[in-house]
């Protein structure tokens, strides 16, 4: 999966050389843009607009990675795992969980962090 932010930055700065199309997997159009200077700048501007609006997707048909939400989700997952680990430790200290149960829960939660 490709990053929309990366594709847009490549398109803005080196899109006239076709680097954005190479990144997205469209090698034929990338070569065309490279040889024609982004088709005299017209295809370069069109690609910037299409990438920013989400109309130009990677060639493999996948969607873009949402950079912002993936970083927020990873932070939330680590926070939730930490909170769950604290809860498991309290249950262990109260004698509700055995040593083996606590060790298994702890290993699973640390793997999420």
PDB file of N, CA and C in Angstrom:
ATOM      1  N   UNK A   1       0.844  -1.178   0.000  1.00  0.00           N
ATOM      2  CA  UNK A   1       0.000   0.000   0.000  1.00  0.00           C
ATOM      3  C   UNK A   1       0.884   1.235   0.000  1.00  0.00           C
ATOM      4  N   UNK A   2       0.418   2.219  -0.695  1.00  0.00           N
ATOM      5  CA  UNK A   2       1.179   3.454  -0.869  1.00  0.00           C
ATOM      6  C   UNK A   2       0.584   4.564  -0.017  1.00  0.00           C
ATOM      7  N   UNK A   3       1.435   5.509   0.327  1.00  0.00           N
ATOM      8  CA  UNK A   3       1.021   6.648   1.122  1.00  0.00           C
ATOM      9  C   UNK A   3       0.557   7.778   0.205  1.00  0.00           C
ATOM     10  N   UNK A   4      -0.609   8.311   0.492  1.00  0.00           N
ATOM     11  CA  UNK A   4      -1.137   9.420  -0.300  1.00  0.00           C
ATOM     12  C   UNK A   4      -0.274  10.661  -0.122  1.00  0.00           C
ATOM     13  N   UNK A   5       0.213  10.886   1.089  1.00  0.00           N
ATOM     14  CA  UNK A   5       1.059  12.043   1.360  1.00  0.00           C
ATOM     15  C   UNK A   5       2.345  11.973   0.539  1.00  0.00           C
ATOM     16  N   UNK A   6       2.973  10.806   0.506  1.00  0.00           N
ATOM     17  CA  UNK A   6       4.194  10.632  -0.270  1.00  0.00           C
ATOM     18  C   UNK A   6       3.923  10.835  -1.750  1.00  0.00           C
ATOM     19  N   UNK A   7       2.844  10.270  -2.253  1.00  0.00           N
ATOM     20  CA  UNK A   7       2.501  10.426  -3.665  1.00  0.00           C
ATOM     21  C   UNK A   7       2.267  11.885  -4.015  1.00  0.00           C
ATOM     22  N   UNK A   8       1.593  12.618  -3.143  1.00  0.00           N
ATOM     23  CA  UNK A   8       1.311  14.028  -3.410  1.00  0.00           C
ATOM     24  C   UNK A   8       2.591  14.863  -3.371  1.00  0.00           C
ATOM     25  N   UNK A   9       3.462  14.605  -2.412  1.00  0.00           N
ATOM     26  CA  UNK A   9       4.726  15.344  -2.326  1.00  0.00           C
ATOM     27  C   UNK A   9       5.593  15.064  -3.559  1.00  0.00           C
ATOM     28  N   UNK A  10       5.659  13.806  -3.960  1.00  0.00           N
ATOM     29  CA  UNK A  10       6.419  13.460  -5.165  1.00  0.00           C
ATOM     30  C   UNK A  10       5.826  14.137  -6.386  1.00  0.00           C
ATOM     31  N   UNK A  11       4.510  14.173  -6.473  1.00  0.00           N
ATOM     32  CA  UNK A  11       3.852  14.790  -7.616  1.00  0.00           C
ATOM     33  C   UNK A  11       4.125  16.287  -7.685  1.00  0.00           C
ATOM     34  N   UNK A  12       4.105  16.950  -6.550  1.00  0.00           N
ATOM     35  CA  UNK A  12       4.325  18.396  -6.527  1.00  0.00           C
ATOM     36  C   UNK A  12       5.760  18.739  -6.919  1.00  0.00           C
ATOM     37  N   UNK A  13       6.729  18.039  -6.323  1.00  0.00           N
ATOM     38  CA  UNK A  13       8.120  18.431  -6.517  1.00  0.00           C
ATOM     39  C   UNK A  13       8.811  17.796  -7.722  1.00  0.00           C
ATOM     40  N   UNK A  14       8.528  16.540  -8.017  1.00  0.00           N
ATOM     41  CA  UNK A  14       9.200  15.883  -9.146  1.00  0.00           C
ATOM     42  C   UNK A  14       8.202  15.187 -10.069  1.00  0.00           C
ATOM     43  N   UNK A  15       6.965  15.650 -10.051  1.00  0.00           N
ATOM     44  CA  UNK A  15       5.936  15.066 -10.903  1.00  0.00           C
ATOM     45  C   UNK A  15       6.172  15.308 -12.381  1.00  0.00           C
ATOM     46  N   UNK A  16       6.851  16.380 -12.709  1.00  0.00           N
ATOM     47  CA  UNK A  16       7.172  16.649 -14.115  1.00  0.00           C
ATOM     48  C   UNK A  16       8.116  15.623 -14.703  1.00  0.00           C
ATOM     49  N   UNK A  17       8.830  14.911 -13.850  1.00  0.00           N
ATOM     50  CA  UNK A  17       9.734  13.852 -14.303  1.00  0.00           C
ATOM     51  C   UNK A  17       9.081  12.471 -14.214  1.00  0.00           C
ATOM     52  N   UNK A  18       7.842  12.402 -13.777  1.00  0.00           N
ATOM     53  CA  UNK A  18       7.111  11.146 -13.727  1.00  0.00           C
ATOM     54  C   UNK A  18       7.364  10.306 -12.494  1.00  0.00           C
ATOM     55  N   UNK A  19       8.081  10.849 -11.516  1.00  0.00           N
ATOM     56  CA  UNK A  19       8.425  10.065 -10.322  1.00  0.00           C
ATOM     57  C   UNK A  19       7.166   9.630  -9.568  1.00  0.00           C
ATOM     58  N   UNK A  20       6.155  10.480  -9.543  1.00  0.00           N
ATOM     59  CA  UNK A  20       4.913  10.118  -8.858  1.00  0.00           C
ATOM     60  C   UNK A  20       4.250   8.916  -9.505  1.00  0.00           C
ATOM     61  N   UNK A  21       4.261   8.868 -10.826  1.00  0.00           N
ATOM     62  CA  UNK A  21       3.662   7.724 -11.535  1.00  0.00           C
ATOM     63  C   UNK A  21       4.479   6.452 -11.334  1.00  0.00           C
ATOM     64  N   UNK A  22       5.802   6.586 -11.306  1.00  0.00           N
ATOM     65  CA  UNK A  22       6.628   5.413 -11.008  1.00  0.00           C
ATOM     66  C   UNK A  22       6.323   4.895  -9.608  1.00  0.00           C
ATOM     67  N   UNK A  23       6.174   5.794  -8.643  1.00  0.00           N
ATOM     68  CA  UNK A  23       5.869   5.418  -7.265  1.00  0.00           C
ATOM     69  C   UNK A  23       4.537   4.684  -7.177  1.00  0.00           C
ATOM     70  N   UNK A  24       3.548   5.148  -7.930  1.00  0.00           N
ATOM     71  CA  UNK A  24       2.222   4.532  -7.887  1.00  0.00           C
ATOM     72  C   UNK A  24       2.125   3.259  -8.727  1.00  0.00           C
ATOM     73  N   UNK A  25       3.143   2.981  -9.548  1.00  0.00           N
ATOM     74  CA  UNK A  25       3.149   1.744 -10.330  1.00  0.00           C
ATOM     75  C   UNK A  25       2.748   1.909 -11.776  1.00  0.00           C
ATOM     76  N   UNK A  26       2.593   3.125 -12.243  1.00  0.00           N
ATOM     77  CA  UNK A  26       2.244   3.389 -13.636  1.00  0.00           C
ATOM     78  C   UNK A  26       3.516   3.732 -14.405  1.00  0.00           C
ATOM     79  N   UNK A  27       4.306   2.709 -14.770  1.00  0.00           N
ATOM     80  CA  UNK A  27       5.603   2.962 -15.386  1.00  0.00           C
ATOM     81  C   UNK A  27       5.485   3.543 -16.785  1.00  0.00           C
ATOM     82  N   UNK A  28       4.485   3.125 -17.559  1.00  0.00           N
ATOM     83  CA  UNK A  28       4.350   3.627 -18.929  1.00  0.00           C
ATOM     84  C   UNK A  28       4.106   5.138 -18.935  1.00  0.00           C
ATOM     85  N   UNK A  29       3.185   5.586 -18.116  1.00  0.00           N
ATOM     86  CA  UNK A  29       2.887   7.019 -18.053  1.00  0.00           C
ATOM     87  C   UNK A  29       4.053   7.756 -17.383  1.00  0.00           C
ATOM     88  N   UNK A  30       4.752   7.088 -16.474  1.00  0.00           N
ATOM     89  CA  UNK A  30       5.932   7.689 -15.864  1.00  0.00           C
ATOM     90  C   UNK A  30       7.008   7.981 -16.892  1.00  0.00           C
ATOM     91  N   UNK A  31       7.232   7.034 -17.799  1.00  0.00           N
ATOM     92  CA  UNK A  31       8.206   7.242 -18.874  1.00  0.00           C
ATOM     93  C   UNK A  31       7.741   8.367 -19.796  1.00  0.00           C
ATOM     94  N   UNK A  32       6.457   8.396 -20.126  1.00  0.00           N
ATOM     95  CA  UNK A  32       5.905   9.462 -20.971  1.00  0.00           C
ATOM     96  C   UNK A  32       6.121  10.832 -20.331  1.00  0.00           C
ATOM     97  N   UNK A  33       5.833  10.943 -19.040  1.00  0.00           N
ATOM     98  CA  UNK A  33       6.032  12.217 -18.342  1.00  0.00           C
ATOM     99  C   UNK A  33       7.511  12.583 -18.277  1.00  0.00           C
ATOM    100  N   UNK A  34       8.369  11.594 -18.111  1.00  0.00           N
ATOM    101  CA  UNK A  34       9.799  11.841 -18.049  1.00  0.00           C
ATOM    102  C   UNK A  34      10.323  12.398 -19.379  1.00  0.00           C
ATOM    103  N   UNK A  35       9.861  11.823 -20.478  1.00  0.00           N
ATOM    104  CA  UNK A  35      10.352  12.240 -21.795  1.00  0.00           C
ATOM    105  C   UNK A  35       9.734  13.546 -22.287  1.00  0.00           C
ATOM    106  N   UNK A  36       8.549  13.890 -21.785  1.00  0.00           N
ATOM    107  CA  UNK A  36       7.856  15.084 -22.293  1.00  0.00           C
ATOM    108  C   UNK A  36       7.756  16.203 -21.269  1.00  0.00           C
ATOM    109  N   UNK A  37       8.446  16.057 -20.139  1.00  0.00           N
ATOM    110  CA  UNK A  37       8.375  17.103 -19.117  1.00  0.00           C
ATOM    111  C   UNK A  37       6.985  17.225 -18.532  1.00  0.00           C
ATOM    112  N   UNK A  38       6.396  16.088 -18.212  1.00  0.00           N
ATOM    113  CA  UNK A  38       5.050  16.100 -17.626  1.00  0.00           C
ATOM    114  C   UNK A  38       4.013  16.502 -18.660  1.00  0.00           C
ATOM    115  N   UNK A  39       4.267  16.105 -19.930  1.00  0.00           N
ATOM    116  CA  UNK A  39       3.397  16.503 -21.063  1.00  0.00           C
ATOM    117  C   UNK A  39       3.219  18.018 -21.068  1.00  0.00           C
ATOM    118  N   UNK A  40       4.384  18.678 -21.025  1.00  0.00           N
ATOM    119  CA  UNK A  40       4.471  20.143 -21.034  1.00  0.00           C
ATOM    120  C   UNK A  40       3.770  20.769 -19.833  1.00  0.00           C
ATOM    121  N   UNK A  41       3.727  20.037 -18.735  1.00  0.00           N
ATOM    122  CA  UNK A  41       3.174  20.568 -17.493  1.00  0.00           C
ATOM    123  C   UNK A  41       1.700  20.299 -17.294  1.00  0.00           C
ATOM    124  N   UNK A  42       0.995  19.911 -18.322  1.00  0.00           N
ATOM    125  CA  UNK A  42      -0.450  19.700 -18.213  1.00  0.00           C
ATOM    126  C   UNK A  42      -0.760  18.462 -17.388  1.00  0.00           C
ATOM    127  N   UNK A  43      -0.138  17.332 -17.719  1.00  0.00           N
ATOM    128  CA  UNK A  43      -0.388  16.090 -16.982  1.00  0.00           C
ATOM    129  C   UNK A  43       0.138  16.209 -15.547  1.00  0.00           C
ATOM    130  N   UNK A  44       1.183  16.993 -15.355  1.00  0.00           N
ATOM    131  CA  UNK A  44       1.734  17.217 -14.022  1.00  0.00           C
ATOM    132  C   UNK A  44       0.688  17.873 -13.122  1.00  0.00           C
ATOM    133  N   UNK A  45       0.026  18.916 -13.602  1.00  0.00           N
ATOM    134  CA  UNK A  45      -1.016  19.611 -12.825  1.00  0.00           C
ATOM    135  C   UNK A  45      -2.220  18.693 -12.608  1.00  0.00           C
ATOM    136  N   UNK A  46      -2.595  17.953 -13.647  1.00  0.00           N
ATOM    137  CA  UNK A  46      -3.740  17.035 -13.535  1.00  0.00           C
ATOM    138  C   UNK A  46      -3.457  15.964 -12.482  1.00  0.00           C
ATOM    139  N   UNK A  47      -2.221  15.444 -12.460  1.00  0.00           N
ATOM    140  CA  UNK A  47      -1.869  14.417 -11.476  1.00  0.00           C
ATOM    141  C   UNK A  47      -1.897  14.963 -10.055  1.00  0.00           C
ATOM    142  N   UNK A  48      -1.443  16.182  -9.856  1.00  0.00           N
ATOM    143  CA  UNK A  48      -1.499  16.783  -8.519  1.00  0.00           C
ATOM    144  C   UNK A  48      -2.952  16.845  -8.043  1.00  0.00           C
ATOM    145  N   UNK A  49      -3.835  17.286  -8.913  1.00  0.00           N
ATOM    146  CA  UNK A  49      -5.254  17.388  -8.558  1.00  0.00           C
ATOM    147  C   UNK A  49      -5.849  16.009  -8.298  1.00  0.00           C
ATOM    148  N   UNK A  50      -5.559  15.044  -9.178  1.00  0.00           N
ATOM    149  CA  UNK A  50      -6.133  13.701  -9.032  1.00  0.00           C
ATOM    150  C   UNK A  50      -5.613  12.968  -7.799  1.00  0.00           C
ATOM    151  N   UNK A  51      -4.353  13.145  -7.466  1.00  0.00           N
ATOM    152  CA  UNK A  51      -3.825  12.505  -6.255  1.00  0.00           C
ATOM    153  C   UNK A  51      -4.429  13.147  -5.016  1.00  0.00           C
ATOM    154  N   UNK A  52      -4.514  14.478  -5.009  1.00  0.00           N
ATOM    155  CA  UNK A  52      -5.040  15.156  -3.815  1.00  0.00           C
ATOM    156  C   UNK A  52      -6.516  14.866  -3.586  1.00  0.00           C
ATOM    157  N   UNK A  53      -7.278  14.642  -4.666  1.00  0.00           N
ATOM    158  CA  UNK A  53      -8.699  14.319  -4.504  1.00  0.00           C
ATOM    159  C   UNK A  53      -8.948  12.825  -4.335  1.00  0.00           C
ATOM    160  N   UNK A  54      -7.922  12.005  -4.548  1.00  0.00           N
ATOM    161  CA  UNK A  54      -8.068  10.562  -4.381  1.00  0.00           C
ATOM    162  C   UNK A  54      -8.565   9.839  -5.618  1.00  0.00           C
ATOM    163  N   UNK A  55      -8.582  10.506  -6.756  1.00  0.00           N
ATOM    164  CA  UNK A  55      -9.028   9.860  -7.995  1.00  0.00           C
ATOM    165  C   UNK A  55      -7.938   9.005  -8.622  1.00  0.00           C
ATOM    166  N   UNK A  56      -6.679   9.328  -8.371  1.00  0.00           N
ATOM    167  CA  UNK A  56      -5.564   8.554  -8.903  1.00  0.00           C
ATOM    168  C   UNK A  56      -5.029   7.663  -7.796  1.00  0.00           C
ATOM    169  N   UNK A  57      -5.347   6.373  -7.879  1.00  0.00           N
ATOM    170  CA  UNK A  57      -4.945   5.392  -6.867  1.00  0.00           C
ATOM    171  C   UNK A  57      -3.757   4.585  -7.365  1.00  0.00           C
ATOM    172  N   UNK A  58      -3.096   3.829  -6.500  1.00  0.00           N
ATOM    173  CA  UNK A  58      -2.001   2.968  -6.941  1.00  0.00           C
ATOM    174  C   UNK A  58      -2.452   1.974  -8.003  1.00  0.00           C
ATOM    175  N   UNK A  59      -1.528   1.581  -8.857  1.00  0.00           N
ATOM    176  CA  UNK A  59      -1.843   0.710  -9.993  1.00  0.00           C
ATOM    177  C   UNK A  59      -2.340  -0.663  -9.569  1.00  0.00           C
ATOM    178  N   UNK A  60      -1.970  -1.136  -8.392  1.00  0.00           N
ATOM    179  CA  UNK A  60      -2.402  -2.459  -7.953  1.00  0.00           C
ATOM    180  C   UNK A  60      -3.847  -2.478  -7.460  1.00  0.00           C
ATOM    181  N   UNK A  61      -4.522  -1.336  -7.484  1.00  0.00           N
ATOM    182  CA  UNK A  61      -5.930  -1.265  -7.100  1.00  0.00           C
ATOM    183  C   UNK A  61      -6.171  -1.073  -5.618  1.00  0.00           C
ATOM    184  N   UNK A  62      -5.118  -0.987  -4.827  1.00  0.00           N
ATOM    185  CA  UNK A  62      -5.300  -0.798  -3.396  1.00  0.00           C
ATOM    186  C   UNK A  62      -5.570   0.669  -3.088  1.00  0.00           C
ATOM    187  N   UNK A  63      -6.060   0.907  -1.898  1.00  0.00           N
ATOM    188  CA  UNK A  63      -6.273   2.280  -1.454  1.00  0.00           C
ATOM    189  C   UNK A  63      -4.999   2.813  -0.833  1.00  0.00           C
ATOM    190  N   UNK A  64      -4.986   4.110  -0.604  1.00  0.00           N
ATOM    191  CA  UNK A  64      -3.847   4.725   0.066  1.00  0.00           C
ATOM    192  C   UNK A  64      -3.881   4.406   1.557  1.00  0.00           C
ATOM    193  N   UNK A  65      -2.712   4.409   2.170  1.00  0.00           N
ATOM    194  CA  UNK A  65      -2.610   4.326   3.616  1.00  0.00           C
ATOM    195  C   UNK A  65      -2.959   5.697   4.159  1.00  0.00           C
ATOM    196  N   UNK A  66      -3.807   5.737   5.164  1.00  0.00           N
ATOM    197  CA  UNK A  66      -4.153   7.003   5.795  1.00  0.00           C
ATOM    198  C   UNK A  66      -3.097   7.289   6.856  1.00  0.00           C
ATOM    199  N   UNK A  67      -2.135   8.147   6.524  1.00  0.00           N
ATOM    200  CA  UNK A  67      -0.980   8.404   7.394  1.00  0.00           C
ATOM    201  C   UNK A  67      -1.386   8.892   8.776  1.00  0.00           C
ATOM    202  N   UNK A  68      -2.311   9.817   8.848  1.00  0.00           N
ATOM    203  CA  UNK A  68      -2.687  10.414  10.124  1.00  0.00           C
ATOM    204  C   UNK A  68      -3.385   9.411  11.027  1.00  0.00           C
ATOM    205  N   UNK A  69      -4.365   8.694  10.497  1.00  0.00           N
ATOM    206  CA  UNK A  69      -5.116   7.779  11.356  1.00  0.00           C
ATOM    207  C   UNK A  69      -4.277   6.576  11.771  1.00  0.00           C
ATOM    208  N   UNK A  70      -3.332   6.147  10.931  1.00  0.00           N
ATOM    209  CA  UNK A  70      -2.498   5.010  11.323  1.00  0.00           C
ATOM    210  C   UNK A  70      -1.581   5.383  12.483  1.00  0.00           C
ATOM    211  N   UNK A  71      -1.066   6.609  12.503  1.00  0.00           N
ATOM    212  CA  UNK A  71      -0.219   7.005  13.627  1.00  0.00           C
ATOM    213  C   UNK A  71      -1.047   7.208  14.887  1.00  0.00           C
ATOM    214  N   UNK A  72      -2.265   7.719  14.751  1.00  0.00           N
ATOM    215  CA  UNK A  72      -3.145   7.892  15.908  1.00  0.00           C
ATOM    216  C   UNK A  72      -3.568   6.538  16.441  1.00  0.00           C
ATOM    217  N   UNK A  73      -3.904   5.598  15.557  1.00  0.00           N
ATOM    218  CA  UNK A  73      -4.325   4.267  15.990  1.00  0.00           C
ATOM    219  C   UNK A  73      -3.204   3.527  16.702  1.00  0.00           C
ATOM    220  N   UNK A  74      -1.965   3.659  16.222  1.00  0.00           N
ATOM    221  CA  UNK A  74      -0.876   2.953  16.889  1.00  0.00           C
ATOM    222  C   UNK A  74      -0.644   3.522  18.284  1.00  0.00           C
ATOM    223  N   UNK A  75      -0.811   4.832  18.449  1.00  0.00           N
ATOM    224  CA  UNK A  75      -0.680   5.442  19.771  1.00  0.00           C
ATOM    225  C   UNK A  75      -1.806   4.972  20.678  1.00  0.00           C
ATOM    226  N   UNK A  76      -3.032   4.917  20.133  1.00  0.00           N
ATOM    227  CA  UNK A  76      -4.172   4.458  20.930  1.00  0.00           C
ATOM    228  C   UNK A  76      -4.015   2.997  21.321  1.00  0.00           C
ATOM    229  N   UNK A  77      -3.513   2.159  20.415  1.00  0.00           N
ATOM    230  CA  UNK A  77      -3.322   0.748  20.721  1.00  0.00           C
ATOM    231  C   UNK A  77      -2.310   0.563  21.847  1.00  0.00           C
ATOM    232  N   UNK A  78      -1.231   1.327  21.823  1.00  0.00           N
ATOM    233  CA  UNK A  78      -0.221   1.226  22.874  1.00  0.00           C
ATOM    234  C   UNK A  78      -0.794   1.692  24.211  1.00  0.00           C
ATOM    235  N   UNK A  79      -1.584   2.767  24.183  1.00  0.00           N
ATOM    236  CA  UNK A  79      -2.201   3.274  25.412  1.00  0.00           C
ATOM    237  C   UNK A  79      -3.188   2.259  25.972  1.00  0.00           C
ATOM    238  N   UNK A  80      -4.007   1.677  25.100  1.00  0.00           N
ATOM    239  CA  UNK A  80      -4.976   0.673  25.549  1.00  0.00           C
ATOM    240  C   UNK A  80      -4.267  -0.562  26.099  1.00  0.00           C
ATOM    241  N   UNK A  81      -3.196  -0.983  25.449  1.00  0.00           N
ATOM    242  CA  UNK A  81      -2.459  -2.151  25.926  1.00  0.00           C
ATOM    243  C   UNK A  81      -1.847  -1.871  27.298  1.00  0.00           C
ATOM    244  N   UNK A  82      -1.353  -0.663  27.500  1.00  0.00           N
ATOM    245  CA  UNK A  82      -0.783  -0.295  28.797  1.00  0.00           C
ATOM    246  C   UNK A  82      -1.853  -0.320  29.880  1.00  0.00           C
ATOM    247  N   UNK A  83      -3.012   0.228  29.569  1.00  0.00           N
ATOM    248  CA  UNK A  83      -4.111   0.238  30.541  1.00  0.00           C
ATOM    249  C   UNK A  83      -4.567  -1.188  30.852  1.00  0.00           C
ATOM    250  N   UNK A  84      -4.639  -2.037  29.835  1.00  0.00           N
ATOM    251  CA  UNK A  84      -5.028  -3.429  30.049  1.00  0.00           C
ATOM    252  C   UNK A  84      -3.985  -4.171  30.887  1.00  0.00           C
ATOM    253  N   UNK A  85      -2.712  -3.836  30.672  1.00  0.00           N
ATOM    254  CA  UNK A  85      -1.655  -4.459  31.459  1.00  0.00           C
ATOM    255  C   UNK A  85      -1.757  -4.048  32.928  1.00  0.00           C
ATOM    256  N   UNK A  86      -2.089  -2.792  33.173  1.00  0.00           N
ATOM    257  CA  UNK A  86      -2.287  -2.344  34.560  1.00  0.00           C
ATOM    258  C   UNK A  86      -3.454  -3.091  35.216  1.00  0.00           C
ATOM    259  N   UNK A  87      -4.536  -3.282  34.467  1.00  0.00           N
ATOM    260  CA  UNK A  87      -5.702  -4.004  35.003  1.00  0.00           C
ATOM    261  C   UNK A  87      -5.333  -5.452  35.320  1.00  0.00           C
ATOM    262  N   UNK A  88      -4.577  -6.078  34.410  1.00  0.00           N
ATOM    263  CA  UNK A  88      -4.174  -7.464  34.631  1.00  0.00           C
ATOM    264  C   UNK A  88      -3.259  -7.571  35.844  1.00  0.00           C
ATOM    265  N   UNK A  89      -2.376  -6.581  36.032  1.00  0.00           N
ATOM    266  CA  UNK A  89      -1.477  -6.591  37.189  1.00  0.00           C
ATOM    267  C   UNK A  89      -2.275  -6.470  38.489  1.00  0.00           C
ATOM    268  N   UNK A  90      -3.311  -5.641  38.482  1.00  0.00           N
ATOM    269  CA  UNK A  90      -4.157  -5.513  39.676  1.00  0.00           C
ATOM    270  C   UNK A  90      -4.860  -6.832  39.981  1.00  0.00           C
ATOM    271  N   UNK A  91      -5.380  -7.477  38.935  1.00  0.00           N
ATOM    272  CA  UNK A  91      -6.040  -8.769  39.138  1.00  0.00           C
ATOM    273  C   UNK A  91      -5.054  -9.819  39.639  1.00  0.00           C
ATOM    274  N   UNK A  92      -3.843  -9.775  39.147  1.00  0.00           N
ATOM    275  CA  UNK A  92      -2.810 -10.713  39.590  1.00  0.00           C
ATOM    276  C   UNK A  92      -2.469 -10.472  41.071  1.00  0.00           C
ATOM    277  N   UNK A  93      -2.322  -9.206  41.425  1.00  0.00           N
ATOM    278  CA  UNK A  93      -2.011  -8.872  42.815  1.00  0.00           C
ATOM    279  C   UNK A  93      -3.144  -9.241  43.763  1.00  0.00           C
ATOM    280  N   UNK A  94      -4.378  -9.215  43.279  1.00  0.00           N
ATOM    281  CA  UNK A  94      -5.531  -9.591  44.099  1.00  0.00           C
ATOM    282  C   UNK A  94      -5.698 -11.103  44.173  1.00  0.00           C
ATOM    283  N   UNK A  95      -4.937 -11.844  43.367  1.00  0.00           N
ATOM    284  CA  UNK A  95      -5.010 -13.291  43.392  1.00  0.00           C
ATOM    285  C   UNK A  95      -6.045 -13.867  42.441  1.00  0.00           C
ATOM    286  N   UNK A  96      -6.633 -13.037  41.604  1.00  0.00           N
ATOM    287  CA  UNK A  96      -7.650 -13.518  40.652  1.00  0.00           C
ATOM    288  C   UNK A  96      -6.998 -14.288  39.514  1.00  0.00           C
ATOM    289  N   UNK A  97      -5.808 -13.845  39.087  1.00  0.00           N
ATOM    290  CA  UNK A  97      -5.102 -14.511  37.991  1.00  0.00           C
ATOM    291  C   UNK A  97      -3.947 -15.331  38.547  1.00  0.00           C
ATOM    292  N   UNK A  98      -3.729 -16.505  37.936  1.00  0.00           N
ATOM    293  CA  UNK A  98      -2.586 -17.324  38.320  1.00  0.00           C
ATOM    294  C   UNK A  98      -1.326 -16.785  37.647  1.00  0.00           C
ATOM    295  N   UNK A  99      -0.179 -17.332  38.027  1.00  0.00           N
ATOM    296  CA  UNK A  99       1.087 -16.909  37.431  1.00  0.00           C
ATOM    297  C   UNK A  99       1.094 -17.139  35.920  1.00  0.00           C
ATOM    298  N   UNK A 100       0.612 -18.308  35.494  1.00  0.00           N
ATOM    299  CA  UNK A 100       0.597 -18.640  34.071  1.00  0.00           C
ATOM    300  C   UNK A 100      -0.359 -17.728  33.290  1.00  0.00           C
ATOM    301  N   UNK A 101      -1.537 -17.489  33.860  1.00  0.00           N
ATOM    302  CA  UNK A 101      -2.498 -16.617  33.185  1.00  0.00           C
ATOM    303  C   UNK A 101      -1.948 -15.197  33.038  1.00  0.00           C
ATOM    304  N   UNK A 102      -1.353 -14.689  34.098  1.00  0.00           N
ATOM    305  CA  UNK A 102      -0.804 -13.338  34.059  1.00  0.00           C
ATOM    306  C   UNK A 102       0.347 -13.251  33.054  1.00  0.00           C
ATOM    307  N   UNK A 103       1.212 -14.275  33.024  1.00  0.00           N
ATOM    308  CA  UNK A 103       2.339 -14.279  32.089  1.00  0.00           C
ATOM    309  C   UNK A 103       1.852 -14.284  30.648  1.00  0.00           C
ATOM    310  N   UNK A 104       0.799 -15.050  30.369  1.00  0.00           N
ATOM    311  CA  UNK A 104       0.256 -15.106  29.009  1.00  0.00           C
ATOM    312  C   UNK A 104      -0.368 -13.766  28.609  1.00  0.00           C
ATOM    313  N   UNK A 105      -1.157 -13.195  29.486  1.00  0.00           N
ATOM    314  CA  UNK A 105      -1.783 -11.896  29.217  1.00  0.00           C
ATOM    315  C   UNK A 105      -0.717 -10.828  29.026  1.00  0.00           C
ATOM    316  N   UNK A 106       0.288 -10.855  29.877  1.00  0.00           N
ATOM    317  CA  UNK A 106       1.372  -9.865  29.809  1.00  0.00           C
ATOM    318  C   UNK A 106       2.122  -9.978  28.484  1.00  0.00           C
ATOM    319  N   UNK A 107       2.421 -11.198  28.050  1.00  0.00           N
ATOM    320  CA  UNK A 107       3.136 -11.388  26.790  1.00  0.00           C
ATOM    321  C   UNK A 107       2.295 -10.903  25.611  1.00  0.00           C
ATOM    322  N   UNK A 108       1.000 -11.178  25.617  1.00  0.00           N
ATOM    323  CA  UNK A 108       0.110 -10.726  24.548  1.00  0.00           C
ATOM    324  C   UNK A 108       0.035  -9.201  24.496  1.00  0.00           C
ATOM    325  N   UNK A 109      -0.109  -8.568  25.644  1.00  0.00           N
ATOM    326  CA  UNK A 109      -0.235  -7.107  25.681  1.00  0.00           C
ATOM    327  C   UNK A 109       1.079  -6.422  25.322  1.00  0.00           C
ATOM    328  N   UNK A 110       2.199  -6.964  25.767  1.00  0.00           N
ATOM    329  CA  UNK A 110       3.483  -6.365  25.405  1.00  0.00           C
ATOM    330  C   UNK A 110       3.749  -6.505  23.916  1.00  0.00           C
ATOM    331  N   UNK A 111       3.226  -7.558  23.306  1.00  0.00           N
ATOM    332  CA  UNK A 111       3.349  -7.712  21.866  1.00  0.00           C
ATOM    333  C   UNK A 111       2.575  -6.658  21.094  1.00  0.00           C
ATOM    334  N   UNK A 112       1.520  -6.129  21.679  1.00  0.00           N
ATOM    335  CA  UNK A 112       0.721  -5.079  21.035  1.00  0.00           C
ATOM    336  C   UNK A 112       1.384  -3.719  21.112  1.00  0.00           C
ATOM    337  N   UNK A 113       2.259  -3.536  22.107  1.00  0.00           N
ATOM    338  CA  UNK A 113       2.916  -2.243  22.289  1.00  0.00           C
ATOM    339  C   UNK A 113       3.976  -2.134  21.282  1.00  0.00           C
TER     340      UNK A 113
END
